[in-house]
N, C-alpha and C. Protein backbone atom coordinates (compact mmCIF):
# COMPACT_ATOMS: atom_id res chain seq x y z
N MET A 1 0.69 -0.78 0.37
CA MET A 1 -0.45 0.23 0.36
C MET A 1 0.82 1.28 -0.14
N SER A 2 0.60 1.81 -0.57
CA SER A 2 1.41 3.37 -0.87
C SER A 2 0.99 4.12 0.60
N SER A 3 2.13 4.90 0.57
CA SER A 3 2.19 5.77 1.65
C SER A 3 0.96 7.43 1.94
N VAL A 4 0.65 7.31 0.81
CA VAL A 4 -0.58 8.37 0.53
C VAL A 4 -1.55 7.67 1.18
N LEU A 5 -1.88 6.38 0.50
CA LEU A 5 -3.54 5.72 1.03
C LEU A 5 -3.59 5.51 2.26
N SER A 6 -1.89 4.88 2.95
CA SER A 6 -1.55 4.13 4.09
C SER A 6 -2.31 5.34 5.09
N SER A 7 -2.01 6.96 4.32
CA SER A 7 -1.97 8.09 5.48
C SER A 7 -3.64 8.11 5.87
N ILE A 8 -3.71 8.13 4.70
CA ILE A 8 -5.74 8.02 4.16
C ILE A 8 -6.66 7.11 5.13
N MET A 9 -5.97 6.45 5.55
CA MET A 9 -6.91 5.18 6.31
C MET A 9 -6.70 5.68 8.09
N VAL A 10 -7.81 5.62 8.62
CA VAL A 10 -7.61 5.67 10.16
C VAL A 10 -8.18 4.84 10.50
N SER A 11 -7.80 3.84 11.35
CA SER A 11 -8.82 2.97 12.15
C SER A 11 -9.78 2.24 11.54
N ASN A 12 -8.99 1.57 10.18
CA ASN A 12 -9.61 0.86 9.78
C ASN A 12 -10.73 1.31 8.63
N LYS A 13 -11.04 3.19 9.10
CA LYS A 13 -11.71 3.70 8.11
C LYS A 13 -11.26 4.62 7.05
N VAL A 14 -11.84 4.79 5.62
CA VAL A 14 -11.33 5.61 4.70
C VAL A 14 -12.20 7.26 4.64
N LEU A 15 -11.13 8.11 4.99
CA LEU A 15 -11.59 9.54 4.47
C LEU A 15 -11.98 9.80 3.82
N VAL A 16 -13.14 10.28 3.25
CA VAL A 16 -14.21 10.82 1.97
C VAL A 16 -13.74 12.30 1.81
N GLY A 17 -13.40 13.23 3.07
CA GLY A 17 -13.22 14.17 2.36
C GLY A 17 -12.50 14.92 3.85
N PHE A 18 -12.31 16.15 3.48
CA PHE A 18 -11.46 17.01 5.02
C PHE A 18 -11.98 16.91 6.38
N ASP A 19 -13.31 16.73 6.16
CA ASP A 19 -14.06 16.63 7.09
C ASP A 19 -14.42 15.87 7.93
N PRO A 20 -13.98 15.64 9.18
CA PRO A 20 -14.32 14.92 10.46
C PRO A 20 -15.86 14.19 9.97
N PRO A 21 -15.98 12.70 10.09
CA PRO A 21 -17.09 11.65 10.08
C PRO A 21 -18.19 12.75 10.68
N VAL A 22 -19.46 13.07 10.15
CA VAL A 22 -20.77 13.36 10.91
C VAL A 22 -21.60 12.43 11.00
N ASN A 23 -22.01 12.77 12.30
CA ASN A 23 -23.55 11.80 12.26
C ASN A 23 -24.75 11.93 11.69
N GLU A 24 -25.82 11.08 11.67
CA GLU A 24 -26.69 11.98 10.76
C GLU A 24 -27.74 12.74 11.59
N ASP A 25 -28.12 13.00 12.83
CA ASP A 25 -28.29 13.78 13.85
C ASP A 25 -28.00 15.05 13.18
N GLN A 26 -26.28 15.30 13.21
CA GLN A 26 -25.71 16.55 13.24
C GLN A 26 -26.32 16.85 11.88
N GLN A 27 -26.39 16.00 10.87
CA GLN A 27 -26.75 16.24 9.13
C GLN A 27 -28.29 16.78 9.55
N ASP A 28 -28.93 16.39 10.52
CA ASP A 28 -30.09 17.11 9.95
C ASP A 28 -30.79 18.15 10.92
N LEU A 29 -29.83 18.48 11.87
CA LEU A 29 -29.47 19.72 12.72
C LEU A 29 -29.12 21.00 11.90
N LYS A 30 -28.25 20.64 10.76
CA LYS A 30 -27.31 21.52 9.74
C LYS A 30 -28.21 21.70 8.58
N ALA A 31 -29.23 20.94 8.27
CA ALA A 31 -30.50 21.16 7.38
C ALA A 31 -31.60 22.17 7.94
N GLU A 32 -32.23 21.46 9.18
CA GLU A 32 -33.23 21.93 9.77
C GLU A 32 -32.88 23.71 10.16
N GLU A 33 -31.60 24.13 10.17
CA GLU A 33 -30.99 25.09 10.30
C GLU A 33 -30.56 26.04 9.16
N ILE A 34 -30.79 25.35 7.94
CA ILE A 34 -30.91 26.10 6.64
C ILE A 34 -32.01 26.64 6.59
N LEU A 35 -32.83 25.72 6.65
CA LEU A 35 -34.28 25.89 6.24
C LEU A 35 -35.03 26.69 7.54
N ASP A 36 -34.65 27.25 8.88
CA ASP A 36 -35.22 28.52 9.00
C ASP A 36 -34.68 29.64 8.61
N VAL A 37 -32.98 29.56 7.91
CA VAL A 37 -32.83 31.08 7.84
C VAL A 37 -33.64 30.70 6.24
N VAL A 38 -34.02 30.05 5.33
CA VAL A 38 -35.35 30.24 4.34
C VAL A 38 -36.26 31.10 4.80
N ARG A 39 -36.80 30.31 5.96
CA ARG A 39 -38.14 30.42 6.49
C ARG A 39 -38.69 32.08 7.05
N GLU A 40 -37.01 32.37 7.73
CA GLU A 40 -36.95 33.83 8.48
C GLU A 40 -36.81 34.71 6.96
N PHE A 41 -35.91 34.56 6.05
CA PHE A 41 -35.66 35.73 5.11
C PHE A 41 -37.10 35.52 3.61
N GLY A 42 -37.50 34.59 3.92
CA GLY A 42 -38.39 34.45 2.67
C GLY A 42 -38.08 33.35 1.35
N ALA A 43 -36.74 34.10 1.21
CA ALA A 43 -35.70 33.58 0.22
C ALA A 43 -34.31 33.89 0.59
N SER A 44 -33.35 32.87 0.30
CA SER A 44 -32.11 33.20 0.81
C SER A 44 -30.92 32.49 -0.63
N TYR A 45 -29.68 32.89 -0.63
CA TYR A 45 -28.72 32.38 -1.56
C TYR A 45 -27.80 31.93 0.09
N PRO A 46 -26.59 31.06 -1.02
CA PRO A 46 -25.48 30.40 -0.13
C PRO A 46 -24.96 31.13 1.41
N SER A 47 -24.53 32.24 0.49
CA SER A 47 -23.31 32.82 1.20
C SER A 47 -23.98 33.50 2.20
N GLU A 48 -25.16 33.88 2.40
CA GLU A 48 -26.07 34.34 3.20
C GLU A 48 -26.55 33.28 4.39
N ILE A 49 -26.79 32.46 3.92
CA ILE A 49 -27.03 30.74 4.49
C ILE A 49 -25.57 30.52 5.43
N CYS A 50 -24.65 30.43 4.49
CA CYS A 50 -23.14 30.51 5.47
C CYS A 50 -23.10 31.39 6.48
N GLY A 51 -23.20 32.47 6.19
CA GLY A 51 -22.87 33.50 7.30
C GLY A 51 -23.90 32.98 8.54
N GLU A 52 -25.19 33.49 8.39
CA GLU A 52 -26.18 32.53 9.35
C GLU A 52 -25.58 31.56 9.93
N ILE A 53 -25.34 30.83 9.95
CA ILE A 53 -25.32 29.75 10.77
C ILE A 53 -23.92 29.01 10.69
N ASP A 54 -23.20 29.90 10.38
CA ASP A 54 -21.72 29.92 10.75
C ASP A 54 -20.72 28.11 10.13
N ILE A 55 -21.55 27.79 8.64
CA ILE A 55 -21.07 26.50 8.22
C ILE A 55 -20.16 27.09 6.40
N GLY A 56 -19.42 26.11 6.54
CA GLY A 56 -18.61 26.23 5.39
C GLY A 56 -19.46 25.99 3.78
N LYS A 57 -18.97 26.83 3.13
CA LYS A 57 -19.27 26.52 1.67
C LYS A 57 -20.05 25.31 1.40
N GLU A 58 -19.23 24.50 1.49
CA GLU A 58 -19.49 23.42 0.70
C GLU A 58 -20.28 22.12 1.52
N THR A 59 -20.32 22.73 3.07
CA THR A 59 -21.66 22.36 3.59
C THR A 59 -22.98 22.25 2.94
N CYS A 60 -23.11 23.64 3.02
CA CYS A 60 -24.24 24.65 2.47
C CYS A 60 -24.73 24.26 1.28
N TYR A 61 -23.73 23.81 0.22
CA TYR A 61 -24.11 23.61 -0.98
C TYR A 61 -24.75 22.34 -1.00
N ARG A 62 -23.78 21.52 0.19
CA ARG A 62 -24.23 19.64 -0.07
C ARG A 62 -25.80 19.60 0.46
N LYS A 63 -25.86 20.67 1.91
CA LYS A 63 -27.09 20.76 2.21
C LYS A 63 -28.40 21.01 1.44
N LEU A 64 -27.99 22.05 1.07
CA LEU A 64 -28.87 23.04 0.02
C LEU A 64 -29.43 21.76 -1.34
N ARG A 65 -28.38 20.97 -2.16
CA ARG A 65 -29.37 19.96 -2.65
C ARG A 65 -29.62 18.82 -2.00
N PHE A 66 -29.11 18.10 -0.98
CA PHE A 66 -30.19 17.82 -0.43
C PHE A 66 -31.20 18.04 -0.26
N LEU A 67 -31.87 19.06 0.87
CA LEU A 67 -33.29 19.68 0.19
C LEU A 67 -33.60 20.01 -0.41
N VAL A 68 -33.31 20.33 -1.53
CA VAL A 68 -33.96 20.36 -2.93
C VAL A 68 -34.32 18.98 -3.40
N LYS A 69 -34.19 18.21 -3.31
CA LYS A 69 -34.02 16.28 -3.75
C LYS A 69 -35.19 16.56 -2.71
N GLN A 70 -35.20 16.44 -1.68
CA GLN A 70 -36.43 16.10 -0.51
C GLN A 70 -37.49 16.38 -1.04
N GLY A 71 -37.45 17.47 -1.63
CA GLY A 71 -38.86 18.93 -1.99
C GLY A 71 -39.39 19.95 -1.20
N LYS A 72 -38.25 20.16 -0.04
CA LYS A 72 -38.23 21.01 0.87
C LYS A 72 -37.82 22.43 0.02
N LEU A 73 -36.80 22.25 -0.24
CA LEU A 73 -36.50 23.82 -1.61
C LEU A 73 -36.47 23.51 -2.71
N LYS A 74 -36.44 24.99 -2.78
CA LYS A 74 -36.61 24.86 -4.32
C LYS A 74 -35.53 25.94 -5.21
N ARG A 75 -34.62 25.64 -5.95
CA ARG A 75 -33.62 26.60 -6.43
C ARG A 75 -34.42 27.36 -7.68
N ILE A 76 -33.87 28.53 -7.58
CA ILE A 76 -34.86 28.89 -8.57
C ILE A 76 -33.35 30.41 -8.83
N SER A 77 -33.28 30.64 -10.51
CA SER A 77 -32.40 30.98 -11.16
C SER A 77 -33.08 32.56 -11.80
N LEU A 78 -32.53 33.43 -11.50
CA LEU A 78 -33.37 34.90 -12.15
C LEU A 78 -32.35 35.16 -13.59
N ASP A 79 -31.38 34.39 -13.89
CA ASP A 79 -31.04 34.70 -15.25
C ASP A 79 -32.44 34.94 -16.36
N GLY A 80 -32.73 35.84 -17.00
CA GLY A 80 -33.34 35.48 -18.17
C GLY A 80 -34.72 36.35 -17.75
N MET A 81 -34.88 36.96 -16.53
CA MET A 81 -35.79 37.43 -15.65
C MET A 81 -35.88 39.13 -15.90
N GLU A 82 -37.40 39.85 -16.61
CA GLU A 82 -36.89 41.30 -16.54
C GLU A 82 -37.09 42.05 -15.23
N THR A 83 -37.96 41.75 -14.54
CA THR A 83 -38.55 41.85 -13.54
C THR A 83 -38.53 41.58 -12.41
N VAL A 84 -38.48 41.85 -10.88
CA VAL A 84 -38.09 41.05 -9.80
C VAL A 84 -39.84 40.41 -9.48
N PRO A 85 -39.36 39.52 -9.05
CA PRO A 85 -40.03 38.09 -8.78
C PRO A 85 -40.94 38.75 -7.64
N ASP A 86 -42.02 38.99 -7.13
CA ASP A 86 -42.95 38.81 -6.03
C ASP A 86 -42.34 38.93 -4.53
N TRP A 87 -41.81 37.31 -4.59
CA TRP A 87 -41.43 36.61 -3.97
C TRP A 87 -39.80 37.50 -3.18
N LEU A 88 -38.98 38.23 -4.04
CA LEU A 88 -37.59 38.80 -3.26
C LEU A 88 -38.07 39.91 -3.32
N LYS A 89 -38.78 40.50 -3.66
CA LYS A 89 -39.60 42.03 -3.69
C LYS A 89 -38.88 42.51 -2.22
N PRO A 90 -39.66 42.75 -1.02
CA PRO A 90 -39.78 42.02 0.09
C PRO A 90 -37.85 42.31 0.83
N ARG A 91 -37.07 41.67 0.04
CA ARG A 91 -35.50 41.64 0.49
C ARG A 91 -34.62 42.54 -0.45
N ILE A 92 -35.51 43.73 -1.60
CA ILE A 92 -34.47 43.80 -2.45
C ILE A 92 -34.11 45.62 -1.45
N ASN A 93 -34.77 45.95 -0.85
CA ASN A 93 -33.86 46.90 0.12
C ASN A 93 -32.85 46.54 0.84
N SER A 94 -32.98 45.33 1.52
CA SER A 94 -31.76 44.68 1.96
C SER A 94 -30.60 44.66 1.32
N LEU A 95 -31.31 43.93 0.28
CA LEU A 95 -29.54 43.29 -0.64
C LEU A 95 -28.94 44.54 -0.85
N TRP A 96 -29.75 45.71 -1.75
CA TRP A 96 -28.97 47.40 -1.62
C TRP A 96 -28.11 47.70 -0.60
N ALA A 97 -28.60 47.41 0.45
CA ALA A 97 -28.14 48.24 1.69
C ALA A 97 -27.07 47.57 1.83
N ARG A 98 -26.86 46.30 1.35
CA ARG A 98 -25.33 45.31 1.51
C ARG A 98 -24.42 45.46 0.21
N GLY A 99 -25.01 46.05 -0.04
CA GLY A 99 -24.12 46.91 -1.88
C GLY A 99 -24.57 45.49 -2.55
N LEU A 100 -25.23 44.74 -2.74
CA LEU A 100 -25.67 43.93 -3.31
C LEU A 100 -26.65 44.33 -4.97
N LYS A 101 -26.64 44.75 -6.14
CA LYS A 101 -27.11 45.31 -7.42
C LYS A 101 -27.74 44.86 -8.23
N GLY A 102 -28.49 44.65 -9.19
CA GLY A 102 -28.28 44.46 -10.68
C GLY A 102 -28.24 43.23 -10.68
N GLU A 103 -26.77 42.90 -11.29
CA GLU A 103 -26.27 41.73 -12.01
C GLU A 103 -26.09 40.74 -10.82
N ALA A 104 -25.24 41.56 -9.68
CA ALA A 104 -25.26 40.68 -8.35
C ALA A 104 -26.01 39.97 -7.82
N ILE A 105 -27.35 40.43 -7.80
CA ILE A 105 -28.68 39.80 -7.50
C ILE A 105 -29.10 38.88 -8.48
N ARG A 106 -28.91 39.48 -9.99
CA ARG A 106 -29.92 38.00 -11.00
C ARG A 106 -28.25 37.00 -10.93
N ARG A 107 -27.74 37.06 -10.76
CA ARG A 107 -26.27 35.53 -10.88
C ARG A 107 -26.23 35.06 -9.50
N MET A 108 -27.36 35.09 -8.59
CA MET A 108 -27.18 34.79 -7.42
C MET A 108 -28.33 32.98 -7.49
N ALA A 109 -28.07 31.97 -6.87
CA ALA A 109 -28.75 31.03 -6.86
C ALA A 109 -29.77 31.17 -5.19
N TRP A 110 -30.64 31.58 -5.82
CA TRP A 110 -31.71 31.61 -4.67
C TRP A 110 -32.67 30.21 -4.03
N TYR A 111 -32.99 30.13 -2.92
CA TYR A 111 -33.32 28.97 -2.66
C TYR A 111 -35.01 29.82 -1.44
N VAL A 112 -35.99 28.69 -1.86
CA VAL A 112 -36.94 29.03 -1.17
C VAL A 112 -37.53 28.01 -0.92
N GLU A 113 -38.31 27.99 0.09
CA GLU A 113 -38.94 26.79 0.83
C GLU A 113 -40.71 26.32 -0.26
N VAL A 114 -40.54 25.18 -0.09
CA VAL A 114 -41.25 25.00 -1.15
C VAL A 114 -42.90 24.63 -0.52
N LYS A 115 -43.98 25.13 -0.84
CA LYS A 115 -45.39 25.16 -0.05
C LYS A 115 -46.16 23.81 -0.60
N HIS A 116 -46.31 23.11 0.26
CA HIS A 116 -47.02 21.43 -0.34
C HIS A 116 -48.82 22.07 0.34
N GLU A 117 -49.40 22.25 -1.08
CA GLU A 117 -51.04 22.48 -0.64
C GLU A 117 -51.85 21.23 -0.01
N GLY A 118 -52.44 21.91 0.93
CA GLY A 118 -52.98 20.86 1.45
C GLY A 118 -52.52 20.16 3.06
N LYS A 119 -51.23 20.65 3.03
CA LYS A 119 -50.63 19.80 4.44
C LYS A 119 -50.35 20.99 5.38
N LYS A 120 -50.66 20.52 6.54
CA LYS A 120 -50.87 22.02 7.82
C LYS A 120 -49.23 21.69 8.08
């Protein structure tokens, strides 16, 4: 076995990334925290989520993909839109205050909570 491979193996477990293994409860907690941020703001973007709950960019994107796949969040791109969507209008002044305008806002990946009709 090469020295590189043997240095990756720790007590018969192969590490698949740079972060320590996380148990399922911690994963669910981070996903819930992301949902809370999206609910609080109505719509949110990844760097805002990272700052609000203090998680890394890769973890955030991984959790966002997980929540989209579960049908809890929807990813929305503003590319090609000529007007500001209704769900984003309440956020415009706060985004401008942060120095985000025009194309900066349009290029962001936005996440909104999926509302399921008939569920309480």
